[in-house]
Amino acid sequence: MRLFNIASAVLAAGSFASADSQTAQIYIQAVGVTSSPVPLAEITYDVSSLDISPSVTSYEAPELPESASLVRIGLYDSRAKAWSGSTSVASVDNFEKGYAPHFLLSVDAINEGGNTADEARKVTVIGASVKGVRIDAGQTRDFGPQAKLLLTSRGKQPELNKPVVLAPNGKKVEKEEKSFLQKYWWMIGIAIFLAMSGGGGDAK
C-alpha cells in the first residue's frame, strides 16, 4: 500500500491540535466481493469553527480486487463490526492513477445553548462520500486528497408552550378572516377617485 505523504499529514494534524478538534475514520469495502472494511482516510475537523476546511491527516490508497467495480465508503466501528451512520457507493475508477480523492463529510451540528453559535455545539458525523478529481498540473499544485464539510440544516420547529387565547365562553378564539371590503378598501377608493376624475373631464 502507498502511504500518503507523512510529512504533510503531520503538519496538517498539528494545525488542528486543539481541544475542539475531532477526527473521523473513513473506511472502504469492495462491493460484491468477500472482503472486510479497511481504513481509507482520517479526516480532522474543528468543531468550534466549521467554516474552516477539514484536513485529510492520513490517507492510504486502497488495494482493491480486480473483480471489484464498486466500493462502499463510510464510517465503520471496528469493535462492533458494523457501519455507523450512512454509507455511500462509489466506482473504483475514483481511485485510478491521475485522480485525487476528494472526501465529503456530512455532519449535523446542533446548538444546545450558549451566547454564540459556536458555544455548546454538538457535532455528529452522519456519513462520508468520495469523488475522484482528475489532477490538472496546470491549474493546481495540490495533488493530495482533500475534504469538505457538508453541514445539514434543520427544518422549522413547532412552537411549543404557545399561550392559547380563550373567549369569555371558554372557547378558543379563532382568528377572524377579513371581509372583501376590509381587504380591498383602498382599491375601491382608487376606483371611485378615477371614476369621479373621469366624469369631470367628460362634462366640459
N, C-alpha and C. Protein backbone atom coordinates (compact mmCIF):
# COMPACT_ATOMS: atom_id res chain seq x y z
N MET A 1 0.83 -1.20 0.00
CA MET A 1 0.00 0.00 0.00
C MET A 1 0.87 1.26 0.00
N ARG A 2 0.37 2.29 -0.63
CA ARG A 2 1.11 3.56 -0.69
C ARG A 2 0.57 4.49 0.38
N LEU A 3 1.44 4.90 1.26
CA LEU A 3 1.05 5.78 2.35
C LEU A 3 1.12 7.23 1.91
N PHE A 4 0.06 7.97 2.21
CA PHE A 4 0.01 9.39 1.84
C PHE A 4 1.13 10.14 2.55
N ASN A 5 1.63 11.16 1.93
CA ASN A 5 2.76 11.96 2.41
C ASN A 5 2.71 12.18 3.91
N ILE A 6 3.59 11.52 4.65
CA ILE A 6 3.55 11.57 6.11
C ILE A 6 3.89 12.95 6.63
N ALA A 7 4.83 13.62 6.00
CA ALA A 7 5.24 14.95 6.47
C ALA A 7 4.09 15.93 6.42
N SER A 8 3.35 15.95 5.31
CA SER A 8 2.23 16.87 5.19
C SER A 8 1.12 16.49 6.15
N ALA A 9 0.97 15.20 6.41
CA ALA A 9 -0.06 14.75 7.34
C ALA A 9 0.25 15.23 8.75
N VAL A 10 1.52 15.15 9.13
CA VAL A 10 1.91 15.59 10.47
C VAL A 10 1.69 17.09 10.63
N LEU A 11 2.05 17.86 9.60
CA LEU A 11 1.85 19.31 9.66
C LEU A 11 0.37 19.65 9.72
N ALA A 12 -0.44 18.94 8.96
CA ALA A 12 -1.87 19.20 8.97
C ALA A 12 -2.47 18.85 10.32
N ALA A 13 -2.00 17.75 10.89
CA ALA A 13 -2.51 17.35 12.20
C ALA A 13 -2.13 18.37 13.27
N GLY A 14 -0.95 18.94 13.15
CA GLY A 14 -0.52 19.93 14.13
C GLY A 14 -1.34 21.19 14.07
N SER A 15 -1.81 21.57 12.87
CA SER A 15 -2.62 22.77 12.75
C SER A 15 -3.97 22.60 13.41
N PHE A 16 -4.40 21.36 13.64
CA PHE A 16 -5.69 21.10 14.27
C PHE A 16 -5.52 20.65 15.71
N ALA A 17 -4.37 20.85 16.26
CA ALA A 17 -4.10 20.41 17.63
C ALA A 17 -4.78 21.35 18.62
N SER A 18 -6.06 21.17 18.80
CA SER A 18 -6.82 21.97 19.75
C SER A 18 -7.80 21.07 20.46
N ALA A 19 -8.37 21.60 21.54
CA ALA A 19 -9.30 20.81 22.34
C ALA A 19 -10.58 20.52 21.57
N ASP A 20 -10.90 21.32 20.57
CA ASP A 20 -12.15 21.17 19.84
C ASP A 20 -12.01 20.33 18.58
N SER A 21 -10.81 19.91 18.23
CA SER A 21 -10.62 19.14 17.00
C SER A 21 -11.06 17.69 17.21
N GLN A 22 -11.67 17.14 16.17
CA GLN A 22 -12.11 15.75 16.19
C GLN A 22 -11.69 15.09 14.90
N THR A 23 -11.66 13.78 14.90
CA THR A 23 -11.26 13.04 13.71
C THR A 23 -12.35 12.03 13.35
N ALA A 24 -12.47 11.80 12.08
CA ALA A 24 -13.40 10.80 11.56
C ALA A 24 -12.62 9.78 10.76
N GLN A 25 -12.79 8.53 11.10
CA GLN A 25 -12.11 7.44 10.41
C GLN A 25 -12.99 6.95 9.26
N ILE A 26 -12.50 7.06 8.04
CA ILE A 26 -13.24 6.65 6.86
C ILE A 26 -12.76 5.27 6.43
N TYR A 27 -13.71 4.38 6.17
CA TYR A 27 -13.38 3.01 5.77
C TYR A 27 -13.90 2.76 4.35
N ILE A 28 -13.33 1.73 3.74
CA ILE A 28 -13.71 1.34 2.38
C ILE A 28 -13.86 -0.17 2.32
N GLN A 29 -14.82 -0.63 1.51
CA GLN A 29 -15.05 -2.06 1.34
C GLN A 29 -15.52 -2.33 -0.08
N ALA A 30 -14.94 -3.31 -0.71
CA ALA A 30 -15.34 -3.68 -2.06
C ALA A 30 -16.73 -4.30 -2.03
N VAL A 31 -17.56 -3.92 -2.99
CA VAL A 31 -18.94 -4.42 -3.07
C VAL A 31 -18.98 -5.64 -3.98
N GLY A 32 -19.70 -6.68 -3.53
CA GLY A 32 -19.83 -7.89 -4.33
C GLY A 32 -18.65 -8.83 -4.23
N VAL A 33 -17.72 -8.50 -3.37
CA VAL A 33 -16.53 -9.34 -3.17
C VAL A 33 -16.40 -9.61 -1.68
N THR A 34 -16.05 -10.83 -1.33
CA THR A 34 -15.87 -11.17 0.08
C THR A 34 -14.63 -10.47 0.63
N SER A 35 -14.86 -9.40 1.36
CA SER A 35 -13.76 -8.64 1.94
C SER A 35 -14.28 -7.86 3.14
N SER A 36 -13.39 -7.47 4.00
CA SER A 36 -13.75 -6.70 5.19
C SER A 36 -13.42 -5.24 4.97
N PRO A 37 -14.14 -4.34 5.65
CA PRO A 37 -13.82 -2.91 5.55
C PRO A 37 -12.42 -2.64 6.08
N VAL A 38 -11.69 -1.78 5.37
CA VAL A 38 -10.33 -1.42 5.79
C VAL A 38 -10.24 0.10 5.86
N PRO A 39 -9.35 0.63 6.71
CA PRO A 39 -9.19 2.09 6.81
C PRO A 39 -8.76 2.70 5.49
N LEU A 40 -9.36 3.82 5.18
CA LEU A 40 -9.03 4.53 3.94
C LEU A 40 -8.41 5.89 4.22
N ALA A 41 -9.03 6.65 5.13
CA ALA A 41 -8.54 8.00 5.40
C ALA A 41 -8.97 8.43 6.79
N GLU A 42 -8.26 9.41 7.30
CA GLU A 42 -8.61 10.04 8.58
C GLU A 42 -8.77 11.54 8.32
N ILE A 43 -9.94 12.06 8.65
CA ILE A 43 -10.25 13.47 8.42
C ILE A 43 -10.40 14.17 9.75
N THR A 44 -9.65 15.26 9.91
CA THR A 44 -9.69 16.05 11.14
C THR A 44 -10.40 17.36 10.88
N TYR A 45 -11.30 17.73 11.77
CA TYR A 45 -12.05 18.98 11.63
C TYR A 45 -12.20 19.63 13.00
N ASP A 46 -12.43 20.92 13.00
CA ASP A 46 -12.54 21.70 14.23
C ASP A 46 -14.00 21.98 14.50
N VAL A 47 -14.53 21.47 15.59
CA VAL A 47 -15.95 21.63 15.89
C VAL A 47 -16.30 23.05 16.31
N SER A 48 -15.31 23.84 16.73
CA SER A 48 -15.59 25.20 17.16
C SER A 48 -15.65 26.17 16.00
N SER A 49 -15.19 25.73 14.83
CA SER A 49 -15.22 26.60 13.66
C SER A 49 -15.39 25.73 12.42
N LEU A 50 -16.65 25.41 12.10
CA LEU A 50 -16.92 24.55 10.96
C LEU A 50 -16.68 25.24 9.63
N ASP A 51 -16.41 26.57 9.68
CA ASP A 51 -16.12 27.29 8.45
C ASP A 51 -14.73 26.95 7.91
N ILE A 52 -13.85 26.43 8.79
CA ILE A 52 -12.51 26.07 8.37
C ILE A 52 -12.56 24.71 7.67
N SER A 53 -11.89 24.61 6.54
CA SER A 53 -11.89 23.36 5.78
C SER A 53 -11.24 22.26 6.60
N PRO A 54 -11.81 21.06 6.57
CA PRO A 54 -11.19 19.94 7.29
C PRO A 54 -9.90 19.52 6.61
N SER A 55 -9.13 18.71 7.29
CA SER A 55 -7.84 18.28 6.77
C SER A 55 -7.79 16.76 6.71
N VAL A 56 -7.28 16.24 5.60
CA VAL A 56 -7.05 14.80 5.47
C VAL A 56 -5.70 14.52 6.09
N THR A 57 -5.70 14.08 7.34
CA THR A 57 -4.45 13.89 8.07
C THR A 57 -3.76 12.58 7.73
N SER A 58 -4.49 11.64 7.15
CA SER A 58 -3.85 10.41 6.67
C SER A 58 -4.71 9.80 5.58
N TYR A 59 -4.05 9.17 4.63
CA TYR A 59 -4.74 8.52 3.52
C TYR A 59 -3.88 7.38 3.01
N GLU A 60 -4.52 6.24 2.80
CA GLU A 60 -3.80 5.08 2.29
C GLU A 60 -4.56 4.57 1.07
N ALA A 61 -3.93 4.61 -0.08
CA ALA A 61 -4.58 4.17 -1.31
C ALA A 61 -5.02 2.72 -1.18
N PRO A 62 -6.27 2.43 -1.50
CA PRO A 62 -6.78 1.06 -1.29
C PRO A 62 -6.26 0.08 -2.32
N GLU A 63 -6.07 -1.16 -1.86
CA GLU A 63 -5.74 -2.25 -2.77
C GLU A 63 -7.01 -3.06 -2.97
N LEU A 64 -7.65 -2.86 -4.10
CA LEU A 64 -8.95 -3.46 -4.37
C LEU A 64 -8.80 -4.66 -5.30
N PRO A 65 -9.66 -5.66 -5.13
CA PRO A 65 -9.63 -6.82 -6.04
C PRO A 65 -9.92 -6.40 -7.47
N GLU A 66 -9.33 -7.04 -8.42
CA GLU A 66 -9.52 -6.69 -9.82
C GLU A 66 -10.97 -6.89 -10.27
N SER A 67 -11.67 -7.80 -9.60
CA SER A 67 -13.06 -8.07 -9.97
C SER A 67 -14.03 -7.04 -9.40
N ALA A 68 -13.56 -6.20 -8.51
CA ALA A 68 -14.44 -5.21 -7.87
C ALA A 68 -14.64 -4.02 -8.80
N SER A 69 -15.87 -3.57 -8.89
CA SER A 69 -16.19 -2.39 -9.69
C SER A 69 -16.77 -1.26 -8.85
N LEU A 70 -17.31 -1.63 -7.67
CA LEU A 70 -17.89 -0.65 -6.77
C LEU A 70 -17.31 -0.82 -5.38
N VAL A 71 -17.28 0.28 -4.63
CA VAL A 71 -16.80 0.23 -3.25
C VAL A 71 -17.80 0.96 -2.36
N ARG A 72 -17.78 0.58 -1.11
CA ARG A 72 -18.63 1.19 -0.09
C ARG A 72 -17.77 2.09 0.78
N ILE A 73 -18.23 3.33 1.00
CA ILE A 73 -17.48 4.31 1.77
C ILE A 73 -18.32 4.76 2.96
N GLY A 74 -17.68 4.90 4.11
CA GLY A 74 -18.40 5.40 5.28
C GLY A 74 -17.61 5.24 6.55
N LEU A 75 -18.30 5.41 7.68
CA LEU A 75 -17.69 5.25 8.99
C LEU A 75 -17.99 3.85 9.51
N TYR A 76 -16.97 3.20 10.01
CA TYR A 76 -17.10 1.80 10.44
C TYR A 76 -16.58 1.64 11.86
N ASP A 77 -17.37 0.95 12.67
CA ASP A 77 -16.98 0.67 14.05
C ASP A 77 -16.31 -0.70 14.06
N SER A 78 -14.99 -0.69 14.17
CA SER A 78 -14.24 -1.96 14.10
C SER A 78 -14.51 -2.84 15.32
N ARG A 79 -14.85 -2.24 16.45
CA ARG A 79 -15.14 -3.05 17.64
C ARG A 79 -16.48 -3.75 17.52
N ALA A 80 -17.50 -2.99 17.10
CA ALA A 80 -18.84 -3.58 16.94
C ALA A 80 -18.98 -4.31 15.62
N LYS A 81 -18.01 -4.12 14.73
CA LYS A 81 -18.02 -4.72 13.39
C LYS A 81 -19.31 -4.37 12.66
N ALA A 82 -19.59 -3.07 12.64
CA ALA A 82 -20.80 -2.58 11.98
C ALA A 82 -20.57 -1.17 11.47
N TRP A 83 -21.24 -0.83 10.38
CA TRP A 83 -21.15 0.52 9.84
C TRP A 83 -21.96 1.46 10.73
N SER A 84 -21.42 2.62 10.96
CA SER A 84 -22.11 3.63 11.75
C SER A 84 -22.47 4.80 10.86
N GLY A 85 -23.73 5.23 10.93
CA GLY A 85 -24.17 6.31 10.06
C GLY A 85 -24.46 5.80 8.66
N SER A 86 -24.60 6.72 7.74
CA SER A 86 -24.92 6.35 6.36
C SER A 86 -23.63 6.05 5.59
N THR A 87 -23.78 5.25 4.54
CA THR A 87 -22.64 4.92 3.68
C THR A 87 -22.98 5.32 2.24
N SER A 88 -21.97 5.40 1.43
CA SER A 88 -22.15 5.75 0.02
C SER A 88 -21.42 4.73 -0.84
N VAL A 89 -21.85 4.64 -2.09
CA VAL A 89 -21.24 3.71 -3.04
C VAL A 89 -20.56 4.51 -4.14
N ALA A 90 -19.35 4.13 -4.47
CA ALA A 90 -18.58 4.83 -5.50
C ALA A 90 -17.92 3.81 -6.42
N SER A 91 -17.54 4.28 -7.58
CA SER A 91 -16.85 3.42 -8.54
C SER A 91 -15.37 3.34 -8.19
N VAL A 92 -14.76 2.22 -8.51
CA VAL A 92 -13.33 2.06 -8.26
C VAL A 92 -12.52 2.98 -9.15
N ASP A 93 -13.15 3.52 -10.20
CA ASP A 93 -12.45 4.45 -11.10
C ASP A 93 -12.02 5.71 -10.38
N ASN A 94 -12.67 6.04 -9.26
CA ASN A 94 -12.30 7.24 -8.50
C ASN A 94 -10.90 7.14 -7.90
N PHE A 95 -10.34 5.93 -7.84
CA PHE A 95 -9.04 5.73 -7.23
C PHE A 95 -7.97 5.39 -8.26
N GLU A 96 -8.28 5.60 -9.53
CA GLU A 96 -7.29 5.33 -10.57
C GLU A 96 -6.16 6.35 -10.54
N LYS A 97 -5.06 6.00 -11.19
CA LYS A 97 -3.91 6.90 -11.26
C LYS A 97 -4.29 8.16 -12.04
N GLY A 98 -3.87 9.30 -11.51
CA GLY A 98 -4.21 10.57 -12.14
C GLY A 98 -5.42 11.24 -11.52
N TYR A 99 -6.01 10.59 -10.51
CA TYR A 99 -7.16 11.16 -9.81
C TYR A 99 -6.82 11.34 -8.33
N ALA A 100 -7.30 12.43 -7.76
CA ALA A 100 -7.11 12.70 -6.34
C ALA A 100 -8.45 12.55 -5.64
N PRO A 101 -8.51 11.78 -4.55
CA PRO A 101 -9.78 11.59 -3.86
C PRO A 101 -10.20 12.86 -3.09
N HIS A 102 -11.42 13.29 -3.29
CA HIS A 102 -12.00 14.41 -2.56
C HIS A 102 -13.13 13.87 -1.70
N PHE A 103 -12.97 14.02 -0.38
CA PHE A 103 -13.95 13.48 0.56
C PHE A 103 -14.97 14.55 0.93
N LEU A 104 -16.20 14.10 1.12
CA LEU A 104 -17.27 14.97 1.60
C LEU A 104 -17.80 14.36 2.89
N LEU A 105 -17.60 15.09 3.99
CA LEU A 105 -18.01 14.62 5.31
C LEU A 105 -19.30 15.32 5.71
N SER A 106 -20.36 14.55 5.87
CA SER A 106 -21.66 15.12 6.26
C SER A 106 -21.76 15.13 7.78
N VAL A 107 -22.00 16.32 8.34
CA VAL A 107 -22.09 16.46 9.79
C VAL A 107 -23.38 17.19 10.14
N ASP A 108 -23.87 16.88 11.33
CA ASP A 108 -25.07 17.52 11.86
C ASP A 108 -24.65 18.28 13.10
N ALA A 109 -24.69 19.61 13.04
CA ALA A 109 -24.29 20.46 14.16
C ALA A 109 -25.53 21.01 14.84
N ILE A 110 -25.64 20.81 16.14
CA ILE A 110 -26.79 21.27 16.91
C ILE A 110 -26.30 22.21 17.99
N ASN A 111 -26.89 23.40 18.05
CA ASN A 111 -26.57 24.34 19.12
C ASN A 111 -27.44 24.03 20.33
N GLU A 112 -26.81 23.75 21.45
CA GLU A 112 -27.54 23.38 22.65
C GLU A 112 -27.48 24.48 23.70
N GLY A 113 -27.47 25.70 23.25
CA GLY A 113 -27.42 26.82 24.19
C GLY A 113 -26.11 27.56 24.07
N GLY A 114 -25.97 28.65 24.82
CA GLY A 114 -24.76 29.45 24.74
C GLY A 114 -25.04 30.79 24.13
N ASN A 115 -24.12 31.71 24.30
CA ASN A 115 -24.30 33.07 23.82
C ASN A 115 -23.96 33.22 22.34
N THR A 116 -23.15 32.35 21.81
CA THR A 116 -22.77 32.43 20.41
C THR A 116 -23.09 31.11 19.73
N ALA A 117 -23.00 31.14 18.39
CA ALA A 117 -23.32 29.94 17.61
C ALA A 117 -22.30 28.83 17.83
N ASP A 118 -21.10 29.19 18.29
CA ASP A 118 -20.05 28.19 18.47
C ASP A 118 -20.05 27.58 19.86
N GLU A 119 -20.85 28.12 20.77
CA GLU A 119 -20.88 27.61 22.13
C GLU A 119 -21.85 26.44 22.23
N ALA A 120 -21.47 25.46 23.03
CA ALA A 120 -22.30 24.29 23.28
C ALA A 120 -22.76 23.63 21.98
N ARG A 121 -21.88 23.57 21.01
CA ARG A 121 -22.22 22.97 19.72
C ARG A 121 -21.90 21.48 19.73
N LYS A 122 -22.88 20.70 19.39
CA LYS A 122 -22.69 19.26 19.35
C LYS A 122 -22.64 18.83 17.89
N VAL A 123 -21.60 18.11 17.52
CA VAL A 123 -21.41 17.72 16.14
C VAL A 123 -21.48 16.20 16.03
N THR A 124 -22.29 15.72 15.12
CA THR A 124 -22.43 14.29 14.87
C THR A 124 -22.13 14.03 13.40
N VAL A 125 -21.21 13.13 13.14
CA VAL A 125 -20.88 12.76 11.76
C VAL A 125 -21.95 11.81 11.26
N ILE A 126 -22.60 12.18 10.15
CA ILE A 126 -23.68 11.38 9.59
C ILE A 126 -23.15 10.35 8.60
N GLY A 127 -22.22 10.76 7.76
CA GLY A 127 -21.69 9.84 6.77
C GLY A 127 -20.59 10.50 5.96
N ALA A 128 -20.08 9.76 4.98
CA ALA A 128 -18.99 10.27 4.15
C ALA A 128 -19.11 9.71 2.74
N SER A 129 -18.57 10.44 1.80
CA SER A 129 -18.53 10.00 0.41
C SER A 129 -17.22 10.47 -0.21
N VAL A 130 -16.90 9.95 -1.37
CA VAL A 130 -15.64 10.31 -2.02
C VAL A 130 -15.86 10.43 -3.52
N LYS A 131 -15.10 11.32 -4.13
CA LYS A 131 -15.15 11.51 -5.58
C LYS A 131 -13.73 11.74 -6.08
N GLY A 132 -13.35 11.01 -7.10
CA GLY A 132 -12.03 11.19 -7.69
C GLY A 132 -12.01 12.37 -8.65
N VAL A 133 -11.11 13.31 -8.41
CA VAL A 133 -10.99 14.50 -9.25
C VAL A 133 -9.69 14.41 -10.04
N ARG A 134 -9.82 14.58 -11.35
CA ARG A 134 -8.63 14.46 -12.21
C ARG A 134 -7.62 15.55 -11.86
N ILE A 135 -6.37 15.15 -11.74
CA ILE A 135 -5.31 16.08 -11.41
C ILE A 135 -4.88 16.85 -12.65
N ASP A 136 -4.93 18.17 -12.58
CA ASP A 136 -4.51 19.03 -13.68
C ASP A 136 -3.34 19.87 -13.18
N ALA A 137 -2.14 19.50 -13.60
CA ALA A 137 -0.94 20.19 -13.11
C ALA A 137 -0.92 21.66 -13.50
N GLY A 138 -1.68 22.02 -14.54
CA GLY A 138 -1.68 23.42 -14.97
C GLY A 138 -2.59 24.31 -14.15
N GLN A 139 -3.47 23.72 -13.34
CA GLN A 139 -4.42 24.51 -12.57
C GLN A 139 -4.18 24.47 -11.08
N THR A 140 -3.60 23.40 -10.58
CA THR A 140 -3.41 23.29 -9.14
C THR A 140 -2.08 22.61 -8.83
N ARG A 141 -1.56 22.93 -7.67
CA ARG A 141 -0.34 22.29 -7.19
C ARG A 141 -0.63 21.32 -6.05
N ASP A 142 -1.88 21.30 -5.60
CA ASP A 142 -2.26 20.42 -4.51
C ASP A 142 -2.80 19.12 -5.10
N PHE A 143 -1.93 18.11 -5.17
CA PHE A 143 -2.31 16.85 -5.78
C PHE A 143 -2.84 15.84 -4.77
N GLY A 144 -2.80 16.16 -3.50
CA GLY A 144 -3.18 15.21 -2.46
C GLY A 144 -4.68 15.18 -2.21
N PRO A 145 -5.12 14.26 -1.36
CA PRO A 145 -6.54 14.16 -1.01
C PRO A 145 -7.02 15.44 -0.32
N GLN A 146 -8.28 15.77 -0.54
CA GLN A 146 -8.89 16.94 0.07
C GLN A 146 -10.22 16.55 0.69
N ALA A 147 -10.74 17.44 1.54
CA ALA A 147 -12.00 17.15 2.22
C ALA A 147 -12.80 18.42 2.41
N LYS A 148 -14.11 18.25 2.45
CA LYS A 148 -15.03 19.35 2.72
C LYS A 148 -16.10 18.87 3.69
N LEU A 149 -16.70 19.83 4.38
CA LEU A 149 -17.78 19.52 5.30
C LEU A 149 -19.11 19.92 4.68
N LEU A 150 -20.10 19.08 4.85
CA LEU A 150 -21.46 19.39 4.43
C LEU A 150 -22.29 19.48 5.70
N LEU A 151 -22.68 20.70 6.06
CA LEU A 151 -23.41 20.93 7.29
C LEU A 151 -24.91 20.86 7.01
N THR A 152 -25.58 19.94 7.66
CA THR A 152 -27.02 19.80 7.47
C THR A 152 -27.75 20.88 8.24
N SER A 153 -28.92 21.25 7.74
CA SER A 153 -29.74 22.27 8.40
C SER A 153 -31.06 21.65 8.84
N ARG A 154 -31.59 22.14 9.94
CA ARG A 154 -32.83 21.62 10.48
C ARG A 154 -34.01 22.43 9.98
N GLY A 155 -35.11 21.75 9.79
CA GLY A 155 -36.33 22.41 9.34
C GLY A 155 -36.97 23.23 10.46
N LYS A 156 -38.04 23.92 10.12
CA LYS A 156 -38.73 24.75 11.08
C LYS A 156 -39.34 23.89 12.17
N GLN A 157 -39.10 24.26 13.42
CA GLN A 157 -39.59 23.52 14.56
C GLN A 157 -40.93 24.07 15.02
N PRO A 158 -41.82 23.22 15.55
CA PRO A 158 -43.12 23.70 16.04
C PRO A 158 -42.96 24.60 17.26
N GLU A 159 -43.87 25.55 17.39
CA GLU A 159 -43.85 26.47 18.53
C GLU A 159 -44.51 25.78 19.73
N LEU A 160 -43.70 25.52 20.73
CA LEU A 160 -44.19 24.86 21.93
C LEU A 160 -44.52 25.88 23.01
N ASN A 161 -45.43 25.49 23.90
CA ASN A 161 -45.84 26.34 25.03
C ASN A 161 -46.39 27.69 24.58
N LYS A 162 -47.02 27.72 23.41
CA LYS A 162 -47.63 28.95 22.93
C LYS A 162 -48.96 29.15 23.64
N PRO A 163 -49.19 30.31 24.29
CA PRO A 163 -50.43 30.52 25.04
C PRO A 163 -51.66 30.46 24.14
N VAL A 164 -52.72 29.86 24.67
CA VAL A 164 -53.99 29.75 23.95
C VAL A 164 -54.95 30.80 24.48
N VAL A 165 -55.48 31.62 23.59
CA VAL A 165 -56.40 32.68 23.98
C VAL A 165 -57.82 32.13 23.96
N LEU A 166 -58.53 32.30 25.09
CA LEU A 166 -59.90 31.80 25.20
C LEU A 166 -60.89 32.96 25.27
N ALA A 167 -62.05 32.75 24.69
CA ALA A 167 -63.13 33.73 24.76
C ALA A 167 -63.83 33.62 26.11
N PRO A 168 -64.68 34.60 26.47
CA PRO A 168 -65.40 34.54 27.75
C PRO A 168 -66.21 33.27 27.93
N ASN A 169 -66.68 32.66 26.83
CA ASN A 169 -67.46 31.43 26.94
C ASN A 169 -66.59 30.19 27.07
N GLY A 170 -65.27 30.38 27.11
CA GLY A 170 -64.34 29.26 27.30
C GLY A 170 -63.86 28.62 26.03
N LYS A 171 -64.32 29.09 24.88
CA LYS A 171 -63.89 28.53 23.62
C LYS A 171 -62.65 29.25 23.09
N LYS A 172 -61.91 28.54 22.25
CA LYS A 172 -60.70 29.11 21.68
C LYS A 172 -61.06 30.21 20.69
N VAL A 173 -60.36 31.31 20.80
CA VAL A 173 -60.62 32.45 19.93
C VAL A 173 -59.98 32.17 18.57
N GLU A 174 -60.83 32.10 17.55
CA GLU A 174 -60.35 31.87 16.20
C GLU A 174 -60.10 33.22 15.52
N LYS A 175 -59.04 33.27 14.75
CA LYS A 175 -58.71 34.49 14.05
C LYS A 175 -59.73 34.73 12.94
N GLU A 176 -60.40 35.88 13.00
CA GLU A 176 -61.43 36.20 12.02
C GLU A 176 -60.79 36.60 10.69
N GLU A 177 -61.35 36.03 9.63
CA GLU A 177 -60.84 36.37 8.31
C GLU A 177 -61.47 37.68 7.85
N LYS A 178 -60.65 38.55 7.29
CA LYS A 178 -61.12 39.85 6.85
C LYS A 178 -62.08 39.70 5.67
N SER A 179 -63.06 40.60 5.63
CA SER A 179 -64.02 40.59 4.54
C SER A 179 -63.38 41.20 3.28
N PHE A 180 -64.08 41.07 2.16
CA PHE A 180 -63.59 41.63 0.90
C PHE A 180 -63.38 43.13 1.01
N LEU A 181 -64.32 43.80 1.68
CA LEU A 181 -64.23 45.25 1.83
C LEU A 181 -63.04 45.65 2.70
N GLN A 182 -62.76 44.87 3.75
CA GLN A 182 -61.62 45.17 4.62
C GLN A 182 -60.28 44.93 3.92
N LYS A 183 -60.25 43.96 3.02
CA LYS A 183 -59.00 43.65 2.32
C LYS A 183 -58.70 44.65 1.20
N TYR A 184 -59.75 45.04 0.45
CA TYR A 184 -59.52 45.80 -0.77
C TYR A 184 -60.19 47.18 -0.76
N TRP A 185 -60.33 47.77 0.44
CA TRP A 185 -60.98 49.08 0.52
C TRP A 185 -60.19 50.14 -0.23
N TRP A 186 -58.86 50.01 -0.21
CA TRP A 186 -58.03 51.01 -0.86
C TRP A 186 -58.18 50.96 -2.39
N MET A 187 -58.40 49.74 -2.93
CA MET A 187 -58.60 49.64 -4.37
C MET A 187 -59.95 50.23 -4.77
N ILE A 188 -60.95 50.03 -3.93
CA ILE A 188 -62.27 50.60 -4.20
C ILE A 188 -62.20 52.12 -4.18
N GLY A 189 -61.41 52.65 -3.22
CA GLY A 189 -61.24 54.10 -3.12
C GLY A 189 -60.59 54.68 -4.37
N ILE A 190 -59.57 53.96 -4.88
CA ILE A 190 -58.89 54.43 -6.09
C ILE A 190 -59.84 54.39 -7.28
N ALA A 191 -60.65 53.33 -7.37
CA ALA A 191 -61.60 53.22 -8.49
C ALA A 191 -62.62 54.35 -8.46
N ILE A 192 -63.11 54.69 -7.24
CA ILE A 192 -64.08 55.79 -7.12
C ILE A 192 -63.44 57.10 -7.51
N PHE A 193 -62.18 57.33 -7.08
CA PHE A 193 -61.47 58.57 -7.39
C PHE A 193 -61.28 58.72 -8.90
N LEU A 194 -60.89 57.60 -9.56
CA LEU A 194 -60.68 57.65 -11.00
C LEU A 194 -61.99 57.88 -11.74
N ALA A 195 -63.06 57.28 -11.23
CA ALA A 195 -64.37 57.46 -11.87
C ALA A 195 -64.83 58.90 -11.77
N MET A 196 -64.61 59.51 -10.61
CA MET A 196 -65.02 60.90 -10.43
C MET A 196 -64.16 61.83 -11.27
N SER A 197 -62.88 61.54 -11.37
CA SER A 197 -61.99 62.37 -12.19
C SER A 197 -62.38 62.26 -13.65
N GLY A 198 -62.69 61.09 -14.10
CA GLY A 198 -63.07 60.89 -15.49
C GLY A 198 -64.39 61.53 -15.81
N GLY A 199 -65.33 61.52 -14.87
CA GLY A 199 -66.63 62.11 -15.08
C GLY A 199 -66.54 63.60 -15.22
N GLY A 200 -65.62 64.22 -14.44
CA GLY A 200 -65.44 65.67 -14.51
C GLY A 200 -64.88 66.08 -15.84
N GLY A 201 -64.03 65.24 -16.47
CA GLY A 201 -63.45 65.58 -17.77
C GLY A 201 -64.46 65.52 -18.88
N ASP A 202 -65.44 64.61 -18.78
CA ASP A 202 -66.43 64.46 -19.82
C ASP A 202 -67.45 65.59 -19.80
N ALA A 203 -67.56 66.29 -18.64
CA ALA A 203 -68.60 67.33 -18.50
C ALA A 203 -68.22 68.59 -19.25
N LYS A 204 -66.97 68.80 -19.65
CA LYS A 204 -66.55 70.04 -20.36
C LYS A 204 -67.08 70.09 -21.76
